[in-house]
């Protein structure tokens, strides 16, 4: 196991990365509300980079002495922060699913309007037709 000061530095780095991940989650929520897909993808890539760093650091922290009060305190702080990140992730996922459903609905509407326009375009002059997309 690394020396105690090294372990504390690792926990501080973990905490900083989780805080940054939370901030990126809030930023993702703003991009979802605005429908800014490019910025959303950028945030997503940044979150994945943080996840990789956290995972690698976590392997080094696996041997930390669980009976040490400072280690327990850091783990409790991280647990609370991870819980907040998870809640935000779930909320963002719901918002993204809603955005996807709205986009699908708009695409279905475009298809219906396109078929209706084609139906009117092929009508012979003087022979008006109604086309509602159901026949």
C-alpha atoms as a PDB file:
ATOM      1  CA  UNK A   1       0.000   0.000   0.000  1.00  0.00           C
ATOM      2  CA  UNK A   2       1.300   3.515  -0.782  1.00  0.00           C
ATOM      3  CA  UNK A   3       2.164   5.838   2.097  1.00  0.00           C
ATOM      4  CA  UNK A   4      -0.748   7.532   3.845  1.00  0.00           C
ATOM      5  CA  UNK A   5      -0.073  10.959   2.291  1.00  0.00           C
ATOM      6  CA  UNK A   6      -0.103   9.390  -1.171  1.00  0.00           C
ATOM      7  CA  UNK A   7      -3.424   7.710  -0.423  1.00  0.00           C
ATOM      8  CA  UNK A   8      -4.895  11.033   0.705  1.00  0.00           C
ATOM      9  CA  UNK A   9      -3.651  12.698  -2.484  1.00  0.00           C
ATOM     10  CA  UNK A  10      -5.298   9.957  -4.517  1.00  0.00           C
ATOM     11  CA  UNK A  11      -8.578  10.486  -2.662  1.00  0.00           C
ATOM     12  CA  UNK A  12      -8.341  14.246  -3.252  1.00  0.00           C
ATOM     13  CA  UNK A  13      -7.760  13.628  -6.958  1.00  0.00           C
ATOM     14  CA  UNK A  14     -10.744  11.232  -7.055  1.00  0.00           C
ATOM     15  CA  UNK A  15     -12.908  13.830  -5.349  1.00  0.00           C
ATOM     16  CA  UNK A  16     -11.822  16.517  -7.820  1.00  0.00           C
ATOM     17  CA  UNK A  17     -12.591  14.291 -10.792  1.00  0.00           C
ATOM     18  CA  UNK A  18     -16.016  13.368  -9.416  1.00  0.00           C
ATOM     19  CA  UNK A  19     -16.781  17.053  -8.842  1.00  0.00           C
ATOM     20  CA  UNK A  20     -15.758  17.776 -12.426  1.00  0.00           C
ATOM     21  CA  UNK A  21     -17.954  14.900 -13.596  1.00  0.00           C
ATOM     22  CA  UNK A  22     -20.903  16.414 -11.703  1.00  0.00           C
ATOM     23  CA  UNK A  23     -20.239  19.819 -13.283  1.00  0.00           C
ATOM     24  CA  UNK A  24     -20.140  18.178 -16.713  1.00  0.00           C
ATOM     25  CA  UNK A  25     -23.468  16.502 -15.942  1.00  0.00           C
ATOM     26  CA  UNK A  26     -25.008  19.892 -15.212  1.00  0.00           C
ATOM     27  CA  UNK A  27     -23.499  21.184 -18.453  1.00  0.00           C
ATOM     28  CA  UNK A  28     -24.948  18.190 -20.325  1.00  0.00           C
ATOM     29  CA  UNK A  29     -28.381  19.043 -18.934  1.00  0.00           C
ATOM     30  CA  UNK A  30     -28.079  22.553 -20.386  1.00  0.00           C
ATOM     31  CA  UNK A  31     -27.013  21.168 -23.758  1.00  0.00           C
ATOM     32  CA  UNK A  32     -29.920  18.717 -23.745  1.00  0.00           C
ATOM     33  CA  UNK A  33     -32.368  21.530 -23.044  1.00  0.00           C
ATOM     34  CA  UNK A  34     -30.856  23.564 -25.889  1.00  0.00           C
ATOM     35  CA  UNK A  35     -30.676  20.557 -28.237  1.00  0.00           C
ATOM     36  CA  UNK A  36     -26.944  21.179 -28.814  1.00  0.00           C
ATOM     37  CA  UNK A  37     -25.788  17.707 -29.851  1.00  0.00           C
ATOM     38  CA  UNK A  38     -22.176  18.658 -30.653  1.00  0.00           C
ATOM     39  CA  UNK A  39     -21.567  20.194 -27.222  1.00  0.00           C
ATOM     40  CA  UNK A  40     -23.319  17.224 -25.646  1.00  0.00           C
ATOM     41  CA  UNK A  41     -20.944  14.830 -27.415  1.00  0.00           C
ATOM     42  CA  UNK A  42     -17.953  16.884 -26.245  1.00  0.00           C
ATOM     43  CA  UNK A  43     -19.160  16.671 -22.633  1.00  0.00           C
ATOM     44  CA  UNK A  44     -19.779  12.963 -23.065  1.00  0.00           C
ATOM     45  CA  UNK A  45     -16.197  12.418 -24.242  1.00  0.00           C
ATOM     46  CA  UNK A  46     -14.859  14.430 -21.292  1.00  0.00           C
ATOM     47  CA  UNK A  47     -16.915  12.352 -18.847  1.00  0.00           C
ATOM     48  CA  UNK A  48     -15.518   9.146 -20.349  1.00  0.00           C
ATOM     49  CA  UNK A  49     -11.985  10.478 -19.953  1.00  0.00           C
ATOM     50  CA  UNK A  50     -12.694  11.237 -16.298  1.00  0.00           C
ATOM     51  CA  UNK A  51     -14.168   7.780 -15.826  1.00  0.00           C
ATOM     52  CA  UNK A  52     -10.978   6.201 -17.144  1.00  0.00           C
ATOM     53  CA  UNK A  53      -8.825   8.285 -14.803  1.00  0.00           C
ATOM     54  CA  UNK A  54     -11.072   7.455 -11.842  1.00  0.00           C
ATOM     55  CA  UNK A  55     -10.999   3.747 -12.661  1.00  0.00           C
ATOM     56  CA  UNK A  56      -7.195   3.677 -12.856  1.00  0.00           C
ATOM     57  CA  UNK A  57      -6.853   5.590  -9.601  1.00  0.00           C
ATOM     58  CA  UNK A  58      -9.414   3.348  -7.923  1.00  0.00           C
ATOM     59  CA  UNK A  59      -7.212   0.334  -8.581  1.00  0.00           C
ATOM     60  CA  UNK A  60      -4.439   2.036  -6.628  1.00  0.00           C
ATOM     61  CA  UNK A  61      -6.850   2.844  -3.784  1.00  0.00           C
ATOM     62  CA  UNK A  62      -8.137  -0.714  -3.459  1.00  0.00           C
ATOM     63  CA  UNK A  63      -5.459  -1.535  -0.890  1.00  0.00           C
ATOM     64  CA  UNK A  64      -6.156   1.501   1.306  1.00  0.00           C
ATOM     65  CA  UNK A  65      -6.572   0.609   4.965  1.00  0.00           C
ATOM     66  CA  UNK A  66     -10.344   0.548   5.535  1.00  0.00           C
ATOM     67  CA  UNK A  67      -9.873   0.810   9.295  1.00  0.00           C
ATOM     68  CA  UNK A  68      -8.109   4.176   9.007  1.00  0.00           C
ATOM     69  CA  UNK A  69     -10.634   6.904   9.986  1.00  0.00           C
ATOM     70  CA  UNK A  70      -9.306   9.285   7.326  1.00  0.00           C
ATOM     71  CA  UNK A  71      -9.803   6.661   4.627  1.00  0.00           C
ATOM     72  CA  UNK A  72     -13.341   5.955   5.849  1.00  0.00           C
ATOM     73  CA  UNK A  73     -14.112   9.675   5.852  1.00  0.00           C
ATOM     74  CA  UNK A  74     -12.864  10.071   2.271  1.00  0.00           C
ATOM     75  CA  UNK A  75     -14.813   7.041   1.128  1.00  0.00           C
ATOM     76  CA  UNK A  76     -17.992   8.439   2.688  1.00  0.00           C
ATOM     77  CA  UNK A  77     -17.441  11.788   0.970  1.00  0.00           C
ATOM     78  CA  UNK A  78     -16.849  10.073  -2.352  1.00  0.00           C
ATOM     79  CA  UNK A  79     -19.880   7.846  -1.897  1.00  0.00           C
ATOM     80  CA  UNK A  80     -22.118  10.902  -1.394  1.00  0.00           C
ATOM     81  CA  UNK A  81     -20.633  12.623  -4.426  1.00  0.00           C
ATOM     82  CA  UNK A  82     -20.979   9.517  -6.606  1.00  0.00           C
ATOM     83  CA  UNK A  83     -24.618   9.272  -5.561  1.00  0.00           C
ATOM     84  CA  UNK A  84     -25.211  12.839  -6.756  1.00  0.00           C
ATOM     85  CA  UNK A  85     -23.448  12.131 -10.047  1.00  0.00           C
ATOM     86  CA  UNK A  86     -25.586   9.021 -10.536  1.00  0.00           C
ATOM     87  CA  UNK A  87     -28.843  10.905  -9.883  1.00  0.00           C
ATOM     88  CA  UNK A  88     -27.826  13.587 -12.351  1.00  0.00           C
ATOM     89  CA  UNK A  89     -26.892  10.951 -14.931  1.00  0.00           C
ATOM     90  CA  UNK A  90     -30.303   9.301 -14.619  1.00  0.00           C
ATOM     91  CA  UNK A  91     -32.063  12.664 -14.997  1.00  0.00           C
ATOM     92  CA  UNK A  92     -29.960  13.465 -18.074  1.00  0.00           C
ATOM     93  CA  UNK A  93     -30.717  10.061 -19.551  1.00  0.00           C
ATOM     94  CA  UNK A  94     -34.450  10.697 -19.161  1.00  0.00           C
ATOM     95  CA  UNK A  95     -34.072  14.118 -20.782  1.00  0.00           C
ATOM     96  CA  UNK A  96     -32.105  12.601 -23.679  1.00  0.00           C
ATOM     97  CA  UNK A  97     -34.778   9.948 -24.186  1.00  0.00           C
ATOM     98  CA  UNK A  98     -37.437  12.664 -24.256  1.00  0.00           C
ATOM     99  CA  UNK A  99     -35.430  14.615 -26.812  1.00  0.00           C
ATOM    100  CA  UNK A 100     -35.060  11.480 -28.929  1.00  0.00           C
ATOM    101  CA  UNK A 101     -38.795  10.784 -28.792  1.00  0.00           C
ATOM    102  CA  UNK A 102     -39.584  14.361 -29.845  1.00  0.00           C
ATOM    103  CA  UNK A 103     -37.155  14.052 -32.761  1.00  0.00           C
ATOM    104  CA  UNK A 104     -38.738  10.769 -33.829  1.00  0.00           C
ATOM    105  CA  UNK A 105     -42.187  12.351 -33.688  1.00  0.00           C
ATOM    106  CA  UNK A 106     -41.012  15.251 -35.828  1.00  0.00           C
ATOM    107  CA  UNK A 107     -39.529  12.849 -38.368  1.00  0.00           C
ATOM    108  CA  UNK A 108     -42.775  10.880 -38.526  1.00  0.00           C
ATOM    109  CA  UNK A 109     -44.634  14.146 -39.107  1.00  0.00           C
ATOM    110  CA  UNK A 110     -42.263  15.090 -41.901  1.00  0.00           C
ATOM    111  CA  UNK A 111     -42.833  11.740 -43.577  1.00  0.00           C
ATOM    112  CA  UNK A 112     -46.609  12.165 -43.410  1.00  0.00           C
ATOM    113  CA  UNK A 113     -46.420  15.685 -44.830  1.00  0.00           C
ATOM    114  CA  UNK A 114     -44.119  14.492 -47.623  1.00  0.00           C
ATOM    115  CA  UNK A 115     -46.545  11.713 -48.611  1.00  0.00           C
ATOM    116  CA  UNK A 116     -49.466  14.152 -48.530  1.00  0.00           C
ATOM    117  CA  UNK A 117     -47.582  16.639 -50.717  1.00  0.00           C
ATOM    118  CA  UNK A 118     -46.791  13.877 -53.210  1.00  0.00           C
ATOM    119  CA  UNK A 119     -50.454  12.888 -53.271  1.00  0.00           C
ATOM    120  CA  UNK A 120     -51.551  16.420 -54.072  1.00  0.00           C
ATOM    121  CA  UNK A 121     -48.845  16.871 -56.684  1.00  0.00           C
ATOM    122  CA  UNK A 122     -50.065  13.892 -58.732  1.00  0.00           C
ATOM    123  CA  UNK A 123     -53.691  15.027 -58.758  1.00  0.00           C
ATOM    124  CA  UNK A 124     -54.912  15.815 -62.275  1.00  0.00           C
ATOM    125  CA  UNK A 125     -55.936  19.422 -62.891  1.00  0.00           C
ATOM    126  CA  UNK A 126     -59.561  19.986 -62.003  1.00  0.00           C
ATOM    127  CA  UNK A 127     -59.792  16.744 -60.035  1.00  0.00           C
ATOM    128  CA  UNK A 128     -59.160  17.823 -56.435  1.00  0.00           C
ATOM    129  CA  UNK A 129     -58.278  15.064 -53.989  1.00  0.00           C
ATOM    130  CA  UNK A 130     -57.860  14.939 -50.268  1.00  0.00           C
ATOM    131  CA  UNK A 131     -55.011  12.848 -49.004  1.00  0.00           C
ATOM    132  CA  UNK A 132     -54.672  12.250 -45.276  1.00  0.00           C
ATOM    133  CA  UNK A 133     -51.997   9.552 -45.340  1.00  0.00           C
ATOM    134  CA  UNK A 134     -54.309   6.767 -44.163  1.00  0.00           C
ATOM    135  CA  UNK A 135     -55.182   5.300 -47.558  1.00  0.00           C
END
